[in-house]
C-alpha atoms as a PDB file:
ATOM      1  CA  MET A   1     109.950 129.667 163.517  1.00  0.00           C
ATOM      2  CA  GLU A   2     109.455 128.461 166.652  1.00  0.00           C
ATOM      3  CA  VAL A   3     105.359 127.392 165.612  1.00  0.00           C
ATOM      4  CA  PHE A   4     107.593 126.126 163.019  1.00  0.00           C
ATOM      5  CA  TYR A   5     109.539 123.445 165.524  1.00  0.00           C
ATOM      6  CA  ALA A   6     106.235 123.229 167.495  1.00  0.00           C
ATOM      7  CA  GLY A   7     105.137 121.684 164.948  1.00  0.00           C
ATOM      8  CA  VAL A   8     107.037 119.284 163.993  1.00  0.00           C
ATOM      9  CA  VAL A   9     107.945 118.190 167.094  1.00  0.00           C
ATOM     10  CA  LEU A  10     104.036 117.250 167.371  1.00  0.00           C
ATOM     11  CA  ILE A  11     104.065 115.424 164.368  1.00  0.00           C
ATOM     12  CA  ALA A  12     106.953 113.911 165.077  1.00  0.00           C
ATOM     13  CA  PHE A  13     105.438 112.414 168.844  1.00  0.00           C
ATOM     14  CA  LEU A  14     102.377 111.340 167.396  1.00  0.00           C
ATOM     15  CA  PHE A  15     103.509 110.105 163.787  1.00  0.00           C
ATOM     16  CA  ILE A  16     106.193 108.057 166.509  1.00  0.00           C
ATOM     17  CA  GLY A  17     103.372 106.811 168.627  1.00  0.00           C
ATOM     18  CA  LEU A  18     101.244 105.481 165.877  1.00  0.00           C
ATOM     19  CA  VAL A  19     104.820 103.446 164.874  1.00  0.00           C
ATOM     20  CA  ILE A  20     104.573 101.898 167.940  1.00  0.00           C
ATOM     21  CA  ASP A  21     100.833 101.288 168.734  1.00  0.00           C
ATOM     22  CA  GLY A  22     100.877  99.564 164.644  1.00  0.00           C
ATOM     23  CA  GLY A  23     103.203  97.197 166.171  1.00  0.00           C
ATOM     24  CA  LEU A  24     101.222  97.070 169.908  1.00  0.00           C
ATOM     25  CA  ALA A  25      99.241  96.065 167.904  1.00  0.00           C
ATOM     26  CA  LEU A  26     100.721  93.471 165.723  1.00  0.00           C
ATOM     27  CA  ASP A  27     101.536  91.510 168.319  1.00  0.00           C
ATOM     28  CA  ALA A  28      98.575  91.338 169.987  1.00  0.00           C
ATOM     29  CA  GLN A  29      97.336  90.064 166.545  1.00  0.00           C
ATOM     30  CA  SER A  30     100.137  87.619 166.793  1.00  0.00           C
ATOM     31  CA  ASP A  31      99.546  86.572 170.420  1.00  0.00           C
ATOM     32  CA  ALA A  32      95.598  86.032 168.881  1.00  0.00           C
ATOM     33  CA  ASP A  33      96.857  83.646 166.892  1.00  0.00           C
ATOM     34  CA  TYR A  34      98.920  81.585 168.717  1.00  0.00           C
ATOM     35  CA  ILE A  35      96.383  81.150 171.705  1.00  0.00           C
ATOM     36  CA  ALA A  36      93.829  80.111 169.509  1.00  0.00           C
ATOM     37  CA  GLN A  37      96.354  77.398 168.135  1.00  0.00           C
ATOM     38  CA  GLU A  38      97.182  76.154 171.523  1.00  0.00           C
ATOM     39  CA  ALA A  39      93.570  76.332 171.682  1.00  0.00           C
ATOM     40  CA  ALA A  40      92.189  74.756 169.246  1.00  0.00           C
ATOM     41  CA  ARG A  41      94.482  71.921 169.773  1.00  0.00           C
ATOM     42  CA  ALA A  42      94.260  71.751 173.281  1.00  0.00           C
ATOM     43  CA  GLY A  43      90.314  70.997 172.022  1.00  0.00           C
ATOM     44  CA  ALA A  44      92.299  68.193 169.548  1.00  0.00           C
ATOM     45  CA  GLN A  45      93.028  66.536 172.127  1.00  0.00           C
ATOM     46  CA  GLN A  46      89.616  64.937 172.399  1.00  0.00           C
ATOM     47  CA  ILE A  47      88.748  62.012 169.863  1.00  0.00           C
ATOM     48  CA  ASN A  48      86.020  59.897 170.042  1.00  0.00           C
ATOM     49  CA  PRO A  49      86.349  56.980 172.719  1.00  0.00           C
ATOM     50  CA  ALA A  50      84.260  54.506 171.032  1.00  0.00           C
ATOM     51  CA  GLN A  51      85.016  54.901 168.129  1.00  0.00           C
ATOM     52  CA  ALA A  52      88.699  55.117 168.648  1.00  0.00           C
ATOM     53  CA  ILE A  53      88.877  51.978 170.500  1.00  0.00           C
ATOM     54  CA  THR A  54      86.489  49.775 168.211  1.00  0.00           C
ATOM     55  CA  GLY A  55      89.009  51.235 165.490  1.00  0.00           C
ATOM     56  CA  GLU A  56      86.122  52.292 163.712  1.00  0.00           C
ATOM     57  CA  ALA A  57      86.996  56.240 163.026  1.00  0.00           C
ATOM     58  CA  LEU A  58      89.030  58.722 164.478  1.00  0.00           C
ATOM     59  CA  VAL A  59      87.521  61.696 164.731  1.00  0.00           C
ATOM     60  CA  LEU A  60      86.819  64.195 167.880  1.00  0.00           C
ATOM     61  CA  ASP A  61      83.717  63.777 170.654  1.00  0.00           C
ATOM     62  CA  PRO A  62      82.347  67.537 169.496  1.00  0.00           C
ATOM     63  CA  ASP A  63      81.143  68.667 172.647  1.00  0.00           C
ATOM     64  CA  ALA A  64      84.502  67.626 174.835  1.00  0.00           C
ATOM     65  CA  ALA A  65      87.062  69.044 172.267  1.00  0.00           C
ATOM     66  CA  ALA A  66      84.729  71.978 172.739  1.00  0.00           C
ATOM     67  CA  GLN A  67      85.052  72.433 175.686  1.00  0.00           C
ATOM     68  CA  SER A  68      88.084  71.493 175.830  1.00  0.00           C
ATOM     69  CA  ALA A  69      88.838  74.436 173.316  1.00  0.00           C
ATOM     70  CA  ARG A  70      86.767  76.969 175.743  1.00  0.00           C
ATOM     71  CA  ALA A  71      88.435  76.342 179.553  1.00  0.00           C
ATOM     72  CA  PHE A  72      91.601  76.177 177.616  1.00  0.00           C
ATOM     73  CA  LEU A  73      90.770  80.309 176.474  1.00  0.00           C
ATOM     74  CA  ALA A  74      89.149  80.977 179.491  1.00  0.00           C
ATOM     75  CA  GLU A  75      92.422  80.137 181.100  1.00  0.00           C
ATOM     76  CA  GLN A  76      93.818  83.035 179.009  1.00  0.00           C
ATOM     77  CA  GLY A  77      91.162  85.331 180.062  1.00  0.00           C
ATOM     78  CA  LEU A  78      90.074  85.368 176.535  1.00  0.00           C
ATOM     79  CA  ASP A  79      86.687  84.648 174.683  1.00  0.00           C
ATOM     80  CA  GLY A  80      86.856  83.182 171.889  1.00  0.00           C
ATOM     81  CA  ASP A  81      84.541  80.993 168.663  1.00  0.00           C
ATOM     82  CA  VAL A  82      84.708  76.715 168.724  1.00  0.00           C
ATOM     83  CA  ALA A  83      83.645  74.808 165.397  1.00  0.00           C
ATOM     84  CA  VAL A  84      84.405  71.333 164.752  1.00  0.00           C
ATOM     85  CA  SER A  85      84.137  69.717 161.314  1.00  0.00           C
ATOM     86  CA  ASP A  86      80.876  67.807 160.323  1.00  0.00           C
ATOM     87  CA  ASP A  87      83.476  64.727 159.276  1.00  0.00           C
ATOM     88  CA  GLY A  88      84.634  65.221 162.990  1.00  0.00           C
ATOM     89  CA  GLN A  89      88.887  65.853 161.477  1.00  0.00           C
ATOM     90  CA  SER A  90      89.113  69.468 162.488  1.00  0.00           C
ATOM     91  CA  LEU A  91      88.631  71.902 164.906  1.00  0.00           C
ATOM     92  CA  THR A  92      88.733  75.647 163.932  1.00  0.00           C
ATOM     93  CA  VAL A  93      89.060  78.333 166.748  1.00  0.00           C
ATOM     94  CA  THR A  94      88.309  82.290 166.095  1.00  0.00           C
ATOM     95  CA  VAL A  95      89.922  84.789 169.333  1.00  0.00           C
ATOM     96  CA  HIS A  96      88.323  87.647 170.083  1.00  0.00           C
ATOM     97  CA  ASP A  97      90.215  90.255 172.197  1.00  0.00           C
ATOM     98  CA  MET A  98      90.649  94.041 171.418  1.00  0.00           C
ATOM     99  CA  TYR A  99      93.714  96.418 171.812  1.00  0.00           C
ATOM    100  CA  HIS A 100      93.934  99.731 173.389  1.00  0.00           C
ATOM    101  CA  PRO A 101      96.713 101.931 171.882  1.00  0.00           C
ATOM    102  CA  PHE A 102      98.280 104.221 173.689  1.00  0.00           C
ATOM    103  CA  PHE A 103      99.334 106.762 171.950  1.00  0.00           C
ATOM    104  CA  ALA A 104      96.116 106.294 168.961  1.00  0.00           C
ATOM    105  CA  SER A 105      94.169 107.451 172.345  1.00  0.00           C
ATOM    106  CA  LEU A 106      95.244 110.706 171.839  1.00  0.00           C
ATOM    107  CA  ILE A 107      92.938 110.607 168.311  1.00  0.00           C
ATOM    108  CA  GLY A 108      90.179 109.679 170.055  1.00  0.00           C
ATOM    109  CA  VAL A 109      91.108 105.506 168.989  1.00  0.00           C
ATOM    110  CA  ALA A 110      90.394 104.607 172.530  1.00  0.00           C
ATOM    111  CA  SER A 111      90.478 100.284 170.993  1.00  0.00           C
ATOM    112  CA  MET A 112      91.009  98.394 168.403  1.00  0.00           C
ATOM    113  CA  PRO A 113      89.128  94.844 167.733  1.00  0.00           C
ATOM    114  CA  ILE A 114      91.734  92.328 167.772  1.00  0.00           C
ATOM    115  CA  GLU A 115      90.459  88.252 165.913  1.00  0.00           C
ATOM    116  CA  GLY A 116      92.735  85.355 166.021  1.00  0.00           C
ATOM    117  CA  ASP A 117      92.227  82.297 164.824  1.00  0.00           C
ATOM    118  CA  GLY A 118      93.754  78.820 164.858  1.00  0.00           C
ATOM    119  CA  THR A 119      92.611  75.292 163.024  1.00  0.00           C
ATOM    120  CA  ALA A 120      92.981  71.862 164.604  1.00  0.00           C
ATOM    121  CA  THR A 121      93.575  68.816 162.309  1.00  0.00           C
ATOM    122  CA  LEU A 122      94.147  65.858 162.586  1.00  0.00           C
ATOM    123  CA  LEU A 123      96.923  63.480 160.400  1.00  0.00           C
ATOM    124  CA  HIS A 124      96.208  59.693 161.130  1.00  0.00           C
ATOM    125  CA  GLN A 125      93.023  57.505 160.817  1.00  0.00           C
ATOM    126  CA  ALA A 126      91.820  54.392 162.627  1.00  0.00           C
ATOM    127  CA  GLY A 127      94.495  51.231 161.229  1.00  0.00           C
ATOM    128  CA  GLY A 128      96.840  53.760 159.839  1.00  0.00           C
END
């Protein structure tokens, strides 16, 4: 009978541990999404001044926007992909990170890839 209880306790411990790891992985996913969104916002601050000053258009400066978003990611100690849309109206950031579980490592899961996405879109047009 003691073996049965020991087995039940071990299974309960693993189950609770996996629930905790699952929650922490979801939290890491949420953090990655938040950081990606903030990086996209930082990059979207970089508009093309030549077109904005003349009133021609309000579009992103692709190089400056990507550099600003990457600098924000670097401050957070993360890596990611940055893409400016062809029309220069939006910037998308994808963050790549790893979550290292505590309890799942006991069953051989050393790390889990985490990916977060964020997009910032310009809402105003020149003259408007």
